[in-house]
Amino acid sequence: MEFAIVGNPDYGELKVVLSPGETIRAEAGSMSRMSTDLAMTSRIMGGFLQGMIRRIVGGESLFVGEYTAEDEPGFVAFAPATPGCIQQRTLNGDTLILTAGAFMACTPGVNLKPRFGGLKAFFSGEGAFFLEASGSGELFFNGYGGVIEKEIDGEYIVDTGHAVAWEPGLQYEVTGMGGWKQTLFSGEGLVLKFSGRGKIWVQSRHMGALAKWLRGYC
């Protein structure tokens, strides 16, 4: 399999070239164009129960599209629903935590399952569940706007709604921005305070903030 990510950081798009027998799975509705040599089917990753949990609490589609090159090579291109940056991560038996809506595509060796983040995640604005990607293979995820990759060794603060993904070696807590006055009147509200050692991916834009801004013109 060969892949190329073009259009980053503003309008990322993923193009995948498959050799006969190779398969790529992607979020439903993300295909922008493909060759006629590929076979496409819809399937539920991890079975119906896990698929329903991902749909209800993880913000992902119940089905994923599975694209397979059978007798001839072919290509398929995917585009995320929101304009922004696409990231790639090769998993070798390790794990990555994704926030709701960040998953885009993966090879068959990658498994996705819901991960309960606790009530603190619910009040953070990220939702009570995340997606845990594990296994071996290629994983593609996206963020709204640009995506900044940061190596953390200690503590790091991220505004809620800007976290895209992080490694499981990082712990987090939901906290206010300073004292109660700063939390209520600074406009920042609650933040995620990460600690530990590992990588985090942060998006430069937040869809909720954009929707709030647009409401002033409606």
C-alpha atoms as a PDB file:
ATOM      1  CA  MET A   1       0.000   0.000   0.000  1.00  0.00           C
ATOM      2  CA  GLU A   2       1.164   3.506  -0.836  1.00  0.00           C
ATOM      3  CA  PHE A   3      -0.388   6.662   0.524  1.00  0.00           C
ATOM      4  CA  ALA A   4       0.043  10.411   0.187  1.00  0.00           C
ATOM      5  CA  ILE A   5      -1.422  13.243   2.251  1.00  0.00           C
ATOM      6  CA  VAL A   6      -1.880  16.449   0.275  1.00  0.00           C
ATOM      7  CA  GLY A   7      -3.445  19.807   1.082  1.00  0.00           C
ATOM      8  CA  ASN A   8      -2.242  20.078   4.706  1.00  0.00           C
ATOM      9  CA  PRO A   9      -2.664  22.057   6.855  1.00  0.00           C
ATOM     10  CA  ASP A  10      -5.818  23.713   5.504  1.00  0.00           C
ATOM     11  CA  TYR A  11      -7.580  21.177   3.283  1.00  0.00           C
ATOM     12  CA  GLY A  12      -5.977  17.805   3.883  1.00  0.00           C
ATOM     13  CA  GLU A  13      -6.843  14.857   1.683  1.00  0.00           C
ATOM     14  CA  LEU A  14      -5.622  11.256   1.846  1.00  0.00           C
ATOM     15  CA  LYS A  15      -4.913   9.299  -1.345  1.00  0.00           C
ATOM     16  CA  VAL A  16      -4.239   5.556  -1.058  1.00  0.00           C
ATOM     17  CA  VAL A  17      -2.959   3.248  -3.809  1.00  0.00           C
ATOM     18  CA  LEU A  18      -3.773  -0.426  -3.196  1.00  0.00           C
ATOM     19  CA  SER A  19      -2.110  -3.455  -4.733  1.00  0.00           C
ATOM     20  CA  PRO A  20      -4.196  -6.600  -5.417  1.00  0.00           C
ATOM     21  CA  GLY A  21      -5.343  -8.115  -2.118  1.00  0.00           C
ATOM     22  CA  GLU A  22      -4.840  -4.943  -0.048  1.00  0.00           C
ATOM     23  CA  THR A  23      -7.635  -3.198   1.890  1.00  0.00           C
ATOM     24  CA  ILE A  24      -8.236   0.167   3.534  1.00  0.00           C
ATOM     25  CA  ARG A  25     -11.134   1.056   5.857  1.00  0.00           C
ATOM     26  CA  ALA A  26     -12.472   4.590   6.200  1.00  0.00           C
ATOM     27  CA  GLU A  27     -15.116   6.633   7.952  1.00  0.00           C
ATOM     28  CA  ALA A  28     -18.431   6.392   6.108  1.00  0.00           C
ATOM     29  CA  GLY A  29     -18.973   9.224   3.651  1.00  0.00           C
ATOM     30  CA  SER A  30     -15.322  10.307   3.518  1.00  0.00           C
ATOM     31  CA  MET A  31     -14.553   8.918   0.028  1.00  0.00           C
ATOM     32  CA  SER A  32     -14.079  11.737  -2.487  1.00  0.00           C
ATOM     33  CA  ARG A  33     -13.045   9.729  -5.566  1.00  0.00           C
ATOM     34  CA  MET A  34     -11.813   6.273  -6.513  1.00  0.00           C
ATOM     35  CA  SER A  35     -10.850   4.110  -9.466  1.00  0.00           C
ATOM     36  CA  THR A  36     -13.253   1.548 -10.900  1.00  0.00           C
ATOM     37  CA  ASP A  37     -10.841  -1.295 -10.050  1.00  0.00           C
ATOM     38  CA  LEU A  38     -11.712  -1.345  -6.332  1.00  0.00           C
ATOM     39  CA  ALA A  39     -14.456  -3.306  -4.623  1.00  0.00           C
ATOM     40  CA  MET A  40     -16.307  -1.430  -1.875  1.00  0.00           C
ATOM     41  CA  THR A  41     -18.368  -2.930   0.947  1.00  0.00           C
ATOM     42  CA  SER A  42     -19.776  -1.579   4.215  1.00  0.00           C
ATOM     43  CA  ARG A  43     -18.983  -3.299   7.477  1.00  0.00           C
ATOM     44  CA  ILE A  44     -19.163  -2.751  11.231  1.00  0.00           C
ATOM     45  CA  MET A  45     -15.738  -2.840  12.877  1.00  0.00           C
ATOM     46  CA  GLY A  46     -15.683  -4.950  16.036  1.00  0.00           C
ATOM     47  CA  GLY A  47     -19.241  -6.209  15.632  1.00  0.00           C
ATOM     48  CA  PHE A  48     -22.653  -4.594  16.007  1.00  0.00           C
ATOM     49  CA  LEU A  49     -22.438  -3.802  19.738  1.00  0.00           C
ATOM     50  CA  GLN A  50     -19.101  -1.989  19.552  1.00  0.00           C
ATOM     51  CA  GLY A  51     -20.220  -0.267  16.368  1.00  0.00           C
ATOM     52  CA  MET A  52     -23.341   1.054  18.089  1.00  0.00           C
ATOM     53  CA  ILE A  53     -21.303   2.277  21.064  1.00  0.00           C
ATOM     54  CA  ARG A  54     -18.893   4.082  18.736  1.00  0.00           C
ATOM     55  CA  ARG A  55     -21.856   5.630  16.934  1.00  0.00           C
ATOM     56  CA  ILE A  56     -23.761   6.752  20.026  1.00  0.00           C
ATOM     57  CA  VAL A  57     -20.972   7.847  22.368  1.00  0.00           C
ATOM     58  CA  GLY A  58     -17.899   8.121  20.156  1.00  0.00           C
ATOM     59  CA  GLY A  59     -19.249  10.378  17.440  1.00  0.00           C
ATOM     60  CA  GLU A  60     -18.320   7.954  14.645  1.00  0.00           C
ATOM     61  CA  SER A  61     -20.419   6.256  11.969  1.00  0.00           C
ATOM     62  CA  LEU A  62     -21.894   2.836  12.656  1.00  0.00           C
ATOM     63  CA  PHE A  63     -20.434   1.516   9.393  1.00  0.00           C
ATOM     64  CA  VAL A  64     -17.059   1.989   7.763  1.00  0.00           C
ATOM     65  CA  GLY A  65     -16.340   1.686   4.071  1.00  0.00           C
ATOM     66  CA  GLU A  66     -13.952  -1.151   3.164  1.00  0.00           C
ATOM     67  CA  TYR A  67     -12.102  -0.698  -0.116  1.00  0.00           C
ATOM     68  CA  THR A  68     -10.223  -3.660  -1.600  1.00  0.00           C
ATOM     69  CA  ALA A  69      -8.104  -4.084  -4.707  1.00  0.00           C
ATOM     70  CA  GLU A  70      -9.005  -7.502  -6.090  1.00  0.00           C
ATOM     71  CA  ASP A  71      -7.431  -8.374  -9.472  1.00  0.00           C
ATOM     72  CA  GLU A  72      -5.970  -4.995 -10.379  1.00  0.00           C
ATOM     73  CA  PRO A  73      -4.357  -2.159  -8.393  1.00  0.00           C
ATOM     74  CA  GLY A  74      -6.468   0.913  -7.755  1.00  0.00           C
ATOM     75  CA  PHE A  75      -6.666   4.133  -5.788  1.00  0.00           C
ATOM     76  CA  VAL A  76      -9.124   5.819  -3.459  1.00  0.00           C
ATOM     77  CA  ALA A  77      -9.056   9.309  -1.932  1.00  0.00           C
ATOM     78  CA  PHE A  78     -10.636  10.418   1.342  1.00  0.00           C
ATOM     79  CA  ALA A  79     -11.480  13.883   2.659  1.00  0.00           C
ATOM     80  CA  PRO A  80     -12.590  14.718   6.227  1.00  0.00           C
ATOM     81  CA  ALA A  81     -15.921  16.417   6.882  1.00  0.00           C
ATOM     82  CA  THR A  82     -14.273  19.563   8.269  1.00  0.00           C
ATOM     83  CA  PRO A  83     -11.425  21.469   6.575  1.00  0.00           C
ATOM     84  CA  GLY A  84      -8.154  20.810   8.306  1.00  0.00           C
ATOM     85  CA  CYS A  85      -5.085  18.661   8.724  1.00  0.00           C
ATOM     86  CA  ILE A  86      -4.698  14.882   8.330  1.00  0.00           C
ATOM     87  CA  GLN A  87      -2.205  12.965  10.462  1.00  0.00           C
ATOM     88  CA  GLN A  88      -0.740   9.467  10.006  1.00  0.00           C
ATOM     89  CA  ARG A  89       0.496   7.096  12.690  1.00  0.00           C
ATOM     90  CA  THR A  90       1.981   3.620  12.247  1.00  0.00           C
ATOM     91  CA  LEU A  91       0.897   1.335  15.095  1.00  0.00           C
ATOM     92  CA  ASN A  92       3.166  -1.544  16.080  1.00  0.00           C
ATOM     93  CA  GLY A  93       1.202  -3.096  18.909  1.00  0.00           C
ATOM     94  CA  ASP A  94       0.824   0.261  20.655  1.00  0.00           C
ATOM     95  CA  THR A  95      -2.225   2.411  21.321  1.00  0.00           C
ATOM     96  CA  LEU A  96      -3.469   5.907  20.536  1.00  0.00           C
ATOM     97  CA  ILE A  97      -6.453   7.696  22.098  1.00  0.00           C
ATOM     98  CA  LEU A  98      -8.669   9.660  19.683  1.00  0.00           C
ATOM     99  CA  THR A  99     -11.360  12.188  20.535  1.00  0.00           C
ATOM    100  CA  ALA A 100     -14.821  11.894  18.958  1.00  0.00           C
ATOM    101  CA  GLY A 101     -14.820  12.574  15.232  1.00  0.00           C
ATOM    102  CA  ALA A 102     -11.034  12.364  14.803  1.00  0.00           C
ATOM    103  CA  PHE A 103     -10.889   8.893  13.202  1.00  0.00           C
ATOM    104  CA  MET A 104     -10.582   8.895   9.416  1.00  0.00           C
ATOM    105  CA  ALA A 105      -9.128   5.617   8.063  1.00  0.00           C
ATOM    106  CA  CYS A 106      -7.024   2.579   8.941  1.00  0.00           C
ATOM    107  CA  THR A 107      -5.693  -0.690   7.597  1.00  0.00           C
ATOM    108  CA  PRO A 108      -7.368  -3.957   8.721  1.00  0.00           C
ATOM    109  CA  GLY A 109      -4.805  -4.666  11.471  1.00  0.00           C
ATOM    110  CA  VAL A 110      -5.959  -1.641  13.481  1.00  0.00           C
ATOM    111  CA  ASN A 111      -8.760  -2.102  16.017  1.00  0.00           C
ATOM    112  CA  LEU A 112     -11.087   0.603  17.304  1.00  0.00           C
ATOM    113  CA  LYS A 113     -13.037   0.380  20.529  1.00  0.00           C
ATOM    114  CA  PRO A 114     -14.755   2.895  22.833  1.00  0.00           C
ATOM    115  CA  ARG A 115     -12.886   3.966  25.939  1.00  0.00           C
ATOM    116  CA  PHE A 116     -14.722   5.497  28.885  1.00  0.00           C
ATOM    117  CA  GLY A 117     -13.091   8.717  29.975  1.00  0.00           C
ATOM    118  CA  GLY A 118     -15.179   9.196  33.103  1.00  0.00           C
ATOM    119  CA  LEU A 119     -17.448  12.065  34.076  1.00  0.00           C
ATOM    120  CA  LYS A 120     -14.503  14.437  33.930  1.00  0.00           C
ATOM    121  CA  ALA A 121     -14.364  13.889  30.178  1.00  0.00           C
ATOM    122  CA  PHE A 122     -18.095  14.623  29.876  1.00  0.00           C
ATOM    123  CA  PHE A 123     -17.770  17.978  31.633  1.00  0.00           C
ATOM    124  CA  SER A 124     -14.678  18.873  29.609  1.00  0.00           C
ATOM    125  CA  GLY A 125     -16.730  19.167  26.433  1.00  0.00           C
ATOM    126  CA  GLU A 126     -14.895  16.243  24.823  1.00  0.00           C
ATOM    127  CA  GLY A 127     -17.646  13.727  25.633  1.00  0.00           C
ATOM    128  CA  ALA A 128     -17.587  10.864  28.117  1.00  0.00           C
ATOM    129  CA  PHE A 129     -16.070   8.392  25.633  1.00  0.00           C
ATOM    130  CA  PHE A 130     -12.993   8.370  23.434  1.00  0.00           C
ATOM    131  CA  LEU A 131     -11.827   5.922  20.790  1.00  0.00           C
ATOM    132  CA  GLU A 132      -8.894   3.631  21.492  1.00  0.00           C
ATOM    133  CA  ALA A 133      -6.956   2.634  18.372  1.00  0.00           C
ATOM    134  CA  SER A 134      -4.646  -0.348  18.840  1.00  0.00           C
ATOM    135  CA  GLY A 135      -3.020  -3.188  16.920  1.00  0.00           C
ATOM    136  CA  SER A 136      -0.644  -3.053  13.977  1.00  0.00           C
ATOM    137  CA  GLY A 137      -1.050  -1.044  10.804  1.00  0.00           C
ATOM    138  CA  GLU A 138      -1.620   2.450   9.490  1.00  0.00           C
ATOM    139  CA  LEU A 139      -3.948   4.872  11.270  1.00  0.00           C
ATOM    140  CA  PHE A 140      -5.141   8.196   9.833  1.00  0.00           C
ATOM    141  CA  PHE A 141      -6.913  10.872  11.853  1.00  0.00           C
ATOM    142  CA  ASN A 142      -7.807  14.499  11.312  1.00  0.00           C
ATOM    143  CA  GLY A 143      -8.301  17.779  13.133  1.00  0.00           C
ATOM    144  CA  TYR A 144     -10.129  21.001  12.359  1.00  0.00           C
ATOM    145  CA  GLY A 145      -7.620  23.603  11.170  1.00  0.00           C
ATOM    146  CA  GLY A 146      -3.929  22.935  11.651  1.00  0.00           C
ATOM    147  CA  VAL A 147      -2.722  20.123  13.918  1.00  0.00           C
ATOM    148  CA  ILE A 148       0.231  20.659  16.237  1.00  0.00           C
ATOM    149  CA  GLU A 149       2.178  17.642  17.486  1.00  0.00           C
ATOM    150  CA  LYS A 150       3.754  18.186  20.909  1.00  0.00           C
ATOM    151  CA  GLU A 151       6.087  15.967  22.929  1.00  0.00           C
ATOM    152  CA  ILE A 152       5.234  16.330  26.630  1.00  0.00           C
ATOM    153  CA  ASP A 153       7.466  15.522  29.570  1.00  0.00           C
ATOM    154  CA  GLY A 154       5.776  17.088  32.557  1.00  0.00           C
ATOM    155  CA  GLU A 155       2.581  19.137  32.379  1.00  0.00           C
ATOM    156  CA  TYR A 156       0.706  20.761  29.518  1.00  0.00           C
ATOM    157  CA  ILE A 157      -2.608  22.638  29.347  1.00  0.00           C
ATOM    158  CA  VAL A 158      -5.007  22.368  26.413  1.00  0.00           C
ATOM    159  CA  ASP A 159      -8.281  24.228  26.040  1.00  0.00           C
ATOM    160  CA  THR A 160     -11.245  21.843  25.871  1.00  0.00           C
ATOM    161  CA  GLY A 161     -12.265  21.086  22.319  1.00  0.00           C
ATOM    162  CA  HIS A 162      -8.735  21.452  20.936  1.00  0.00           C
ATOM    163  CA  ALA A 163      -7.378  18.004  21.881  1.00  0.00           C
ATOM    164  CA  VAL A 164      -7.369  15.572  18.931  1.00  0.00           C
ATOM    165  CA  ALA A 165      -5.316  12.567  20.080  1.00  0.00           C
ATOM    166  CA  TRP A 166      -2.718  11.536  22.636  1.00  0.00           C
ATOM    167  CA  GLU A 167      -0.625   8.599  23.726  1.00  0.00           C
ATOM    168  CA  PRO A 168      -1.915   6.561  26.702  1.00  0.00           C
ATOM    169  CA  GLY A 169       1.143   7.425  28.797  1.00  0.00           C
ATOM    170  CA  LEU A 170      -0.410  10.848  29.345  1.00  0.00           C
ATOM    171  CA  GLN A 171      -2.924  11.406  32.123  1.00  0.00           C
ATOM    172  CA  TYR A 172      -5.261  14.378  32.287  1.00  0.00           C
ATOM    173  CA  GLU A 173      -7.590  16.213  34.616  1.00  0.00           C
ATOM    174  CA  VAL A 174     -10.293  18.785  33.990  1.00  0.00           C
ATOM    175  CA  THR A 175      -9.600  22.017  35.813  1.00  0.00           C
ATOM    176  CA  GLY A 176     -10.414  25.705  35.712  1.00  0.00           C
ATOM    177  CA  MET A 177      -8.207  28.375  34.241  1.00  0.00           C
ATOM    178  CA  GLY A 178      -6.725  29.630  37.503  1.00  0.00           C
ATOM    179  CA  GLY A 179      -9.147  30.726  40.240  1.00  0.00           C
ATOM    180  CA  TRP A 180     -12.924  30.873  39.920  1.00  0.00           C
ATOM    181  CA  LYS A 181     -12.862  34.431  38.578  1.00  0.00           C
ATOM    182  CA  GLN A 182     -10.477  33.476  35.790  1.00  0.00           C
ATOM    183  CA  THR A 183     -12.550  30.376  35.042  1.00  0.00           C
ATOM    184  CA  LEU A 184     -15.829  32.304  34.829  1.00  0.00           C
ATOM    185  CA  PHE A 185     -14.715  35.570  33.248  1.00  0.00           C
ATOM    186  CA  SER A 186     -11.597  34.860  31.176  1.00  0.00           C
ATOM    187  CA  GLY A 187     -13.598  33.216  28.393  1.00  0.00           C
ATOM    188  CA  GLU A 188     -11.467  30.066  28.672  1.00  0.00           C
ATOM    189  CA  GLY A 189     -13.665  28.132  31.121  1.00  0.00           C
ATOM    190  CA  LEU A 190     -12.462  24.573  31.740  1.00  0.00           C
ATOM    191  CA  VAL A 191      -9.175  23.233  30.400  1.00  0.00           C
ATOM    192  CA  LEU A 192      -7.501  19.846  30.161  1.00  0.00           C
ATOM    193  CA  LYS A 193      -4.313  19.588  32.195  1.00  0.00           C
ATOM    194  CA  PHE A 194      -2.150  16.758  30.860  1.00  0.00           C
ATOM    195  CA  SER A 195       0.726  15.245  32.785  1.00  0.00           C
ATOM    196  CA  GLY A 196       3.237  12.498  32.158  1.00  0.00           C
ATOM    197  CA  ARG A 197       5.325  11.662  29.152  1.00  0.00           C
ATOM    198  CA  GLY A 198       4.128  11.187  25.591  1.00  0.00           C
ATOM    199  CA  LYS A 199       2.822  12.922  22.489  1.00  0.00           C
ATOM    200  CA  ILE A 200      -0.342  14.930  22.046  1.00  0.00           C
ATOM    201  CA  TRP A 201      -1.966  16.310  18.905  1.00  0.00           C
ATOM    202  CA  VAL A 202      -3.867  19.608  19.218  1.00  0.00           C
ATOM    203  CA  GLN A 203      -6.064  21.282  16.599  1.00  0.00           C
ATOM    204  CA  SER A 204      -5.747  25.013  16.019  1.00  0.00           C
ATOM    205  CA  ARG A 205      -9.492  25.539  15.521  1.00  0.00           C
ATOM    206  CA  HIS A 206     -12.575  24.437  17.464  1.00  0.00           C
ATOM    207  CA  MET A 207     -15.897  23.748  15.716  1.00  0.00           C
ATOM    208  CA  GLY A 208     -17.914  24.658  18.819  1.00  0.00           C
ATOM    209  CA  ALA A 209     -16.240  28.062  19.018  1.00  0.00           C
ATOM    210  CA  LEU A 210     -16.978  28.677  15.330  1.00  0.00           C
ATOM    211  CA  ALA A 211     -20.644  27.711  15.784  1.00  0.00           C
ATOM    212  CA  LYS A 212     -20.905  30.087  18.761  1.00  0.00           C
ATOM    213  CA  TRP A 213     -19.375  32.908  16.710  1.00  0.00           C
ATOM    214  CA  LEU A 214     -21.734  32.279  13.783  1.00  0.00           C
ATOM    215  CA  ARG A 215     -24.806  32.405  16.030  1.00  0.00           C
ATOM    216  CA  GLY A 216     -24.147  36.114  16.498  1.00  0.00           C
ATOM    217  CA  TYR A 217     -24.924  36.636  12.808  1.00  0.00           C
ATOM    218  CA  CYS A 218     -28.095  34.538  12.683  1.00  0.00           C
END
